[in-house]
Amino acid sequence: MDQELAQKLEAQDRKLDAIYASAEKTRKYFLWTLVATTVMFVLPLLGLMIAIPWLFSTLSAAYQI
């Protein structure tokens, strides 16, 4: 009975290690997805912060009398 119990515990240990590895891969995937999403949101905002004042100054210069 002890031999059978030891085998079952060993099998559970291997499965737990596999689950842990899979969970870590998933965590890293979500982390990099969050980073990429943040970058894709922030970079256009920075571009707009530069483009909008330039656009306003160009338009105001064009309509100035």
PDB file of N, CA and C in Angstrom:
ATOM      1  N   MET A   1       0.817  -1.192   0.000  1.00  0.00           N
ATOM      2  CA  MET A   1       0.000   0.000   0.000  1.00  0.00           C
ATOM      3  C   MET A   1       0.865   1.262   0.000  1.00  0.00           C
ATOM      4  N   ASP A   2       1.979   1.225   0.705  1.00  0.00           N
ATOM      5  CA  ASP A   2       2.856   2.391   0.743  1.00  0.00           C
ATOM      6  C   ASP A   2       3.470   2.678  -0.623  1.00  0.00           C
ATOM      7  N   GLN A   3       3.795   1.611  -1.355  1.00  0.00           N
ATOM      8  CA  GLN A   3       4.373   1.765  -2.689  1.00  0.00           C
ATOM      9  C   GLN A   3       3.366   2.445  -3.621  1.00  0.00           C
ATOM     10  N   GLU A   4       2.118   2.023  -3.555  1.00  0.00           N
ATOM     11  CA  GLU A   4       1.074   2.593  -4.405  1.00  0.00           C
ATOM     12  C   GLU A   4       0.815   4.060  -4.046  1.00  0.00           C
ATOM     13  N   LEU A   5       0.814   4.354  -2.766  1.00  0.00           N
ATOM     14  CA  LEU A   5       0.613   5.726  -2.309  1.00  0.00           C
ATOM     15  C   LEU A   5       1.768   6.621  -2.754  1.00  0.00           C
ATOM     16  N   ALA A   6       2.983   6.102  -2.664  1.00  0.00           N
ATOM     17  CA  ALA A   6       4.153   6.873  -3.088  1.00  0.00           C
ATOM     18  C   ALA A   6       4.098   7.159  -4.590  1.00  0.00           C
ATOM     19  N   GLN A   7       3.648   6.190  -5.379  1.00  0.00           N
ATOM     20  CA  GLN A   7       3.526   6.397  -6.823  1.00  0.00           C
ATOM     21  C   GLN A   7       2.477   7.468  -7.138  1.00  0.00           C
ATOM     22  N   LYS A   8       1.353   7.415  -6.425  1.00  0.00           N
ATOM     23  CA  LYS A   8       0.304   8.405  -6.652  1.00  0.00           C
ATOM     24  C   LYS A   8       0.781   9.804  -6.263  1.00  0.00           C
ATOM     25  N   LEU A   9       1.505   9.909  -5.169  1.00  0.00           N
ATOM     26  CA  LEU A   9       2.038  11.201  -4.752  1.00  0.00           C
ATOM     27  C   LEU A   9       3.054  11.734  -5.758  1.00  0.00           C
ATOM     28  N   GLU A  10       3.861  10.847  -6.287  1.00  0.00           N
ATOM     29  CA  GLU A  10       4.847  11.241  -7.301  1.00  0.00           C
ATOM     30  C   GLU A  10       4.142  11.719  -8.575  1.00  0.00           C
ATOM     31  N   ALA A  11       3.082  11.022  -8.973  1.00  0.00           N
ATOM     32  CA  ALA A  11       2.323  11.423 -10.159  1.00  0.00           C
ATOM     33  C   ALA A  11       1.669  12.787  -9.928  1.00  0.00           C
ATOM     34  N   GLN A  12       1.128  13.009  -8.748  1.00  0.00           N
ATOM     35  CA  GLN A  12       0.523  14.303  -8.433  1.00  0.00           C
ATOM     36  C   GLN A  12       1.568  15.413  -8.431  1.00  0.00           C
ATOM     37  N   ASP A  13       2.749  15.100  -7.950  1.00  0.00           N
ATOM     38  CA  ASP A  13       3.824  16.091  -7.923  1.00  0.00           C
ATOM     39  C   ASP A  13       4.223  16.503  -9.341  1.00  0.00           C
ATOM     40  N   ARG A  14       4.313  15.539 -10.235  1.00  0.00           N
ATOM     41  CA  ARG A  14       4.640  15.848 -11.631  1.00  0.00           C
ATOM     42  C   ARG A  14       3.542  16.695 -12.271  1.00  0.00           C
ATOM     43  N   LYS A  15       2.298  16.352 -11.985  1.00  0.00           N
ATOM     44  CA  LYS A  15       1.186  17.116 -12.555  1.00  0.00           C
ATOM     45  C   LYS A  15       1.158  18.543 -11.999  1.00  0.00           C
ATOM     46  N   LEU A  16       1.449  18.700 -10.716  1.00  0.00           N
ATOM     47  CA  LEU A  16       1.496  20.033 -10.125  1.00  0.00           C
ATOM     48  C   LEU A  16       2.611  20.872 -10.743  1.00  0.00           C
ATOM     49  N   ASP A  17       3.746  20.255 -10.994  1.00  0.00           N
ATOM     50  CA  ASP A  17       4.840  20.980 -11.651  1.00  0.00           C
ATOM     51  C   ASP A  17       4.437  21.423 -13.053  1.00  0.00           C
ATOM     52  N   ALA A  18       3.722  20.553 -13.774  1.00  0.00           N
ATOM     53  CA  ALA A  18       3.269  20.916 -15.118  1.00  0.00           C
ATOM     54  C   ALA A  18       2.245  22.049 -15.055  1.00  0.00           C
ATOM     55  N   ILE A  19       1.353  22.007 -14.089  1.00  0.00           N
ATOM     56  CA  ILE A  19       0.357  23.069 -13.936  1.00  0.00           C
ATOM     57  C   ILE A  19       1.042  24.383 -13.598  1.00  0.00           C
ATOM     58  N   TYR A  20       2.032  24.342 -12.722  1.00  0.00           N
ATOM     59  CA  TYR A  20       2.757  25.555 -12.350  1.00  0.00           C
ATOM     60  C   TYR A  20       3.457  26.158 -13.565  1.00  0.00           C
ATOM     61  N   ALA A  21       4.105  25.330 -14.361  1.00  0.00           N
ATOM     62  CA  ALA A  21       4.800  25.829 -15.557  1.00  0.00           C
ATOM     63  C   ALA A  21       3.803  26.460 -16.532  1.00  0.00           C
ATOM     64  N   SER A  22       2.668  25.824 -16.708  1.00  0.00           N
ATOM     65  CA  SER A  22       1.644  26.367 -17.600  1.00  0.00           C
ATOM     66  C   SER A  22       1.088  27.685 -17.075  1.00  0.00           C
ATOM     67  N   ALA A  23       0.863  27.776 -15.783  1.00  0.00           N
ATOM     68  CA  ALA A  23       0.355  29.009 -15.193  1.00  0.00           C
ATOM     69  C   ALA A  23       1.371  30.144 -15.331  1.00  0.00           C
ATOM     70  N   GLU A  24       2.645  29.839 -15.187  1.00  0.00           N
ATOM     71  CA  GLU A  24       3.682  30.868 -15.352  1.00  0.00           C
ATOM     72  C   GLU A  24       3.747  31.353 -16.798  1.00  0.00           C
ATOM     73  N   LYS A  25       3.616  30.447 -17.754  1.00  0.00           N
ATOM     74  CA  LYS A  25       3.604  30.867 -19.160  1.00  0.00           C
ATOM     75  C   LYS A  25       2.404  31.768 -19.439  1.00  0.00           C
ATOM     76  N   THR A  26       1.255  31.414 -18.891  1.00  0.00           N
ATOM     77  CA  THR A  26       0.051  32.215 -19.080  1.00  0.00           C
ATOM     78  C   THR A  26       0.219  33.585 -18.432  1.00  0.00           C
ATOM     79  N   ARG A  27       0.806  33.629 -17.243  1.00  0.00           N
ATOM     80  CA  ARG A  27       1.024  34.896 -16.552  1.00  0.00           C
ATOM     81  C   ARG A  27       1.941  35.799 -17.371  1.00  0.00           C
ATOM     82  N   LYS A  28       3.022  35.237 -17.912  1.00  0.00           N
ATOM     83  CA  LYS A  28       3.941  36.030 -18.721  1.00  0.00           C
ATOM     84  C   LYS A  28       3.272  36.518 -19.999  1.00  0.00           C
ATOM     85  N   TYR A  29       2.421  35.676 -20.599  1.00  0.00           N
ATOM     86  CA  TYR A  29       1.686  36.075 -21.800  1.00  0.00           C
ATOM     87  C   TYR A  29       0.776  37.260 -21.492  1.00  0.00           C
ATOM     88  N   PHE A  30       0.030  37.193 -20.403  1.00  0.00           N
ATOM     89  CA  PHE A  30      -0.851  38.297 -20.034  1.00  0.00           C
ATOM     90  C   PHE A  30      -0.060  39.556 -19.693  1.00  0.00           C
ATOM     91  N   LEU A  31       1.079  39.394 -19.048  1.00  0.00           N
ATOM     92  CA  LEU A  31       1.913  40.552 -18.715  1.00  0.00           C
ATOM     93  C   LEU A  31       2.363  41.269 -19.981  1.00  0.00           C
ATOM     94  N   TRP A  32       2.884  40.532 -20.958  1.00  0.00           N
ATOM     95  CA  TRP A  32       3.360  41.162 -22.179  1.00  0.00           C
ATOM     96  C   TRP A  32       2.220  41.702 -23.027  1.00  0.00           C
ATOM     97  N   THR A  33       1.041  41.075 -22.936  1.00  0.00           N
ATOM     98  CA  THR A  33      -0.126  41.622 -23.615  1.00  0.00           C
ATOM     99  C   THR A  33      -0.504  42.964 -23.004  1.00  0.00           C
ATOM    100  N   LEU A  34      -0.445  43.064 -21.689  1.00  0.00           N
ATOM    101  CA  LEU A  34      -0.734  44.324 -21.006  1.00  0.00           C
ATOM    102  C   LEU A  34       0.285  45.393 -21.380  1.00  0.00           C
ATOM    103  N   VAL A  35       1.549  45.025 -21.435  1.00  0.00           N
ATOM    104  CA  VAL A  35       2.594  45.983 -21.807  1.00  0.00           C
ATOM    105  C   VAL A  35       2.380  46.470 -23.236  1.00  0.00           C
ATOM    106  N   ALA A  36       2.106  45.557 -24.152  1.00  0.00           N
ATOM    107  CA  ALA A  36       1.899  45.942 -25.550  1.00  0.00           C
ATOM    108  C   ALA A  36       0.667  46.819 -25.701  1.00  0.00           C
ATOM    109  N   THR A  37      -0.404  46.498 -24.989  1.00  0.00           N
ATOM    110  CA  THR A  37      -1.619  47.304 -25.054  1.00  0.00           C
ATOM    111  C   THR A  37      -1.363  48.705 -24.514  1.00  0.00           C
ATOM    112  N   THR A  38      -0.634  48.792 -23.420  1.00  0.00           N
ATOM    113  CA  THR A  38      -0.317  50.097 -22.838  1.00  0.00           C
ATOM    114  C   THR A  38       0.527  50.927 -23.793  1.00  0.00           C
ATOM    115  N   VAL A  39       1.515  50.313 -24.407  1.00  0.00           N
ATOM    116  CA  VAL A  39       2.378  51.037 -25.356  1.00  0.00           C
ATOM    117  C   VAL A  39       1.568  51.499 -26.561  1.00  0.00           C
ATOM    118  N   MET A  40       0.696  50.638 -27.061  1.00  0.00           N
ATOM    119  CA  MET A  40      -0.109  51.011 -28.224  1.00  0.00           C
ATOM    120  C   MET A  40      -1.137  52.085 -27.892  1.00  0.00           C
ATOM    121  N   PHE A  41      -1.444  52.294 -26.634  1.00  0.00           N
ATOM    122  CA  PHE A  41      -2.358  53.354 -26.224  1.00  0.00           C
ATOM    123  C   PHE A  41      -1.599  54.647 -25.927  1.00  0.00           C
ATOM    124  N   VAL A  42      -0.441  54.540 -25.303  1.00  0.00           N
ATOM    125  CA  VAL A  42       0.304  55.719 -24.864  1.00  0.00           C
ATOM    126  C   VAL A  42       1.031  56.393 -26.026  1.00  0.00           C
ATOM    127  N   LEU A  43       1.606  55.638 -26.929  1.00  0.00           N
ATOM    128  CA  LEU A  43       2.345  56.250 -28.040  1.00  0.00           C
ATOM    129  C   LEU A  43       1.476  57.154 -28.914  1.00  0.00           C
ATOM    130  N   PRO A  44       0.271  56.742 -29.293  1.00  0.00           N
ATOM    131  CA  PRO A  44      -0.567  57.688 -30.046  1.00  0.00           C
ATOM    132  C   PRO A  44      -0.936  58.929 -29.231  1.00  0.00           C
ATOM    133  N   LEU A  45      -1.133  58.779 -27.922  1.00  0.00           N
ATOM    134  CA  LEU A  45      -1.421  59.956 -27.103  1.00  0.00           C
ATOM    135  C   LEU A  45      -0.249  60.924 -27.105  1.00  0.00           C
ATOM    136  N   LEU A  46       0.955  60.411 -27.016  1.00  0.00           N
ATOM    137  CA  LEU A  46       2.129  61.282 -27.080  1.00  0.00           C
ATOM    138  C   LEU A  46       2.237  61.952 -28.443  1.00  0.00           C
ATOM    139  N   GLY A  47       1.934  61.213 -29.489  1.00  0.00           N
ATOM    140  CA  GLY A  47       1.944  61.797 -30.830  1.00  0.00           C
ATOM    141  C   GLY A  47       0.918  62.899 -30.973  1.00  0.00           C
ATOM    142  N   LEU A  48      -0.258  62.689 -30.388  1.00  0.00           N
ATOM    143  CA  LEU A  48      -1.285  63.736 -30.442  1.00  0.00           C
ATOM    144  C   LEU A  48      -0.886  64.962 -29.640  1.00  0.00           C
ATOM    145  N   MET A  49      -0.180  64.762 -28.538  1.00  0.00           N
ATOM    146  CA  MET A  49       0.277  65.907 -27.744  1.00  0.00           C
ATOM    147  C   MET A  49       1.233  66.778 -28.547  1.00  0.00           C
ATOM    148  N   ILE A  50       1.938  66.186 -29.480  1.00  0.00           N
ATOM    149  CA  ILE A  50       2.855  66.947 -30.334  1.00  0.00           C
ATOM    150  C   ILE A  50       2.129  67.472 -31.568  1.00  0.00           C
ATOM    151  N   ALA A  51       1.248  66.675 -32.149  1.00  0.00           N
ATOM    152  CA  ALA A  51       0.620  67.030 -33.416  1.00  0.00           C
ATOM    153  C   ALA A  51      -0.450  68.107 -33.263  1.00  0.00           C
ATOM    154  N   ILE A  52      -1.230  68.070 -32.209  1.00  0.00           N
ATOM    155  CA  ILE A  52      -2.331  69.020 -32.068  1.00  0.00           C
ATOM    156  C   ILE A  52      -1.837  70.465 -31.926  1.00  0.00           C
ATOM    157  N   PRO A  53      -0.857  70.761 -31.072  1.00  0.00           N
ATOM    158  CA  PRO A  53      -0.379  72.162 -31.034  1.00  0.00           C
ATOM    159  C   PRO A  53       0.209  72.614 -32.374  1.00  0.00           C
ATOM    160  N   TRP A  54       0.918  71.740 -33.054  1.00  0.00           N
ATOM    161  CA  TRP A  54       1.475  72.093 -34.363  1.00  0.00           C
ATOM    162  C   TRP A  54       0.354  72.373 -35.356  1.00  0.00           C
ATOM    163  N   LEU A  55      -0.692  71.548 -35.334  1.00  0.00           N
ATOM    164  CA  LEU A  55      -1.831  71.739 -36.231  1.00  0.00           C
ATOM    165  C   LEU A  55      -2.542  73.055 -35.932  1.00  0.00           C
ATOM    166  N   PHE A  56      -2.759  73.355 -34.668  1.00  0.00           N
ATOM    167  CA  PHE A  56      -3.410  74.614 -34.301  1.00  0.00           C
ATOM    168  C   PHE A  56      -2.578  75.824 -34.718  1.00  0.00           C
ATOM    169  N   SER A  57      -1.272  75.751 -34.530  1.00  0.00           N
ATOM    170  CA  SER A  57      -0.441  76.890 -34.930  1.00  0.00           C
ATOM    171  C   SER A  57      -0.436  77.043 -36.444  1.00  0.00           C
ATOM    172  N   THR A  58      -0.457  75.970 -37.182  1.00  0.00           N
ATOM    173  CA  THR A  58      -0.489  76.045 -38.647  1.00  0.00           C
ATOM    174  C   THR A  58      -1.819  76.621 -39.121  1.00  0.00           C
ATOM    175  N   LEU A  59      -2.916  76.150 -38.532  1.00  0.00           N
ATOM    176  CA  LEU A  59      -4.232  76.671 -38.932  1.00  0.00           C
ATOM    177  C   LEU A  59      -4.413  78.130 -38.555  1.00  0.00           C
ATOM    178  N   SER A  60      -3.945  78.515 -37.384  1.00  0.00           N
ATOM    179  CA  SER A  60      -4.088  79.910 -36.977  1.00  0.00           C
ATOM    180  C   SER A  60      -3.218  80.831 -37.837  1.00  0.00           C
ATOM    181  N   ALA A  61      -2.083  80.339 -38.274  1.00  0.00           N
ATOM    182  CA  ALA A  61      -1.229  81.142 -39.165  1.00  0.00           C
ATOM    183  C   ALA A  61      -1.863  81.263 -40.546  1.00  0.00           C
ATOM    184  N   ALA A  62      -2.568  80.242 -40.975  1.00  0.00           N
ATOM    185  CA  ALA A  62      -3.205  80.273 -42.298  1.00  0.00           C
ATOM    186  C   ALA A  62      -4.380  81.234 -42.325  1.00  0.00           C
ATOM    187  N   TYR A  63      -5.107  81.375 -41.230  1.00  0.00           N
ATOM    188  CA  TYR A  63      -6.273  82.238 -41.196  1.00  0.00           C
ATOM    189  C   TYR A  63      -6.009  83.613 -40.599  1.00  0.00           C
ATOM    190  N   GLN A  64      -4.776  83.894 -40.321  1.00  0.00           N
ATOM    191  CA  GLN A  64      -4.422  85.190 -39.720  1.00  0.00           C
ATOM    192  C   GLN A  64      -4.460  86.265 -40.805  1.00  0.00           C
ATOM    193  N   ILE A  65      -4.944  87.403 -40.418  1.00  0.00           N
ATOM    194  CA  ILE A  65      -5.068  88.495 -41.415  1.00  0.00           C
ATOM    195  C   ILE A  65      -3.897  89.421 -41.303  1.00  0.00           C
TER     196      ILE A  65
END
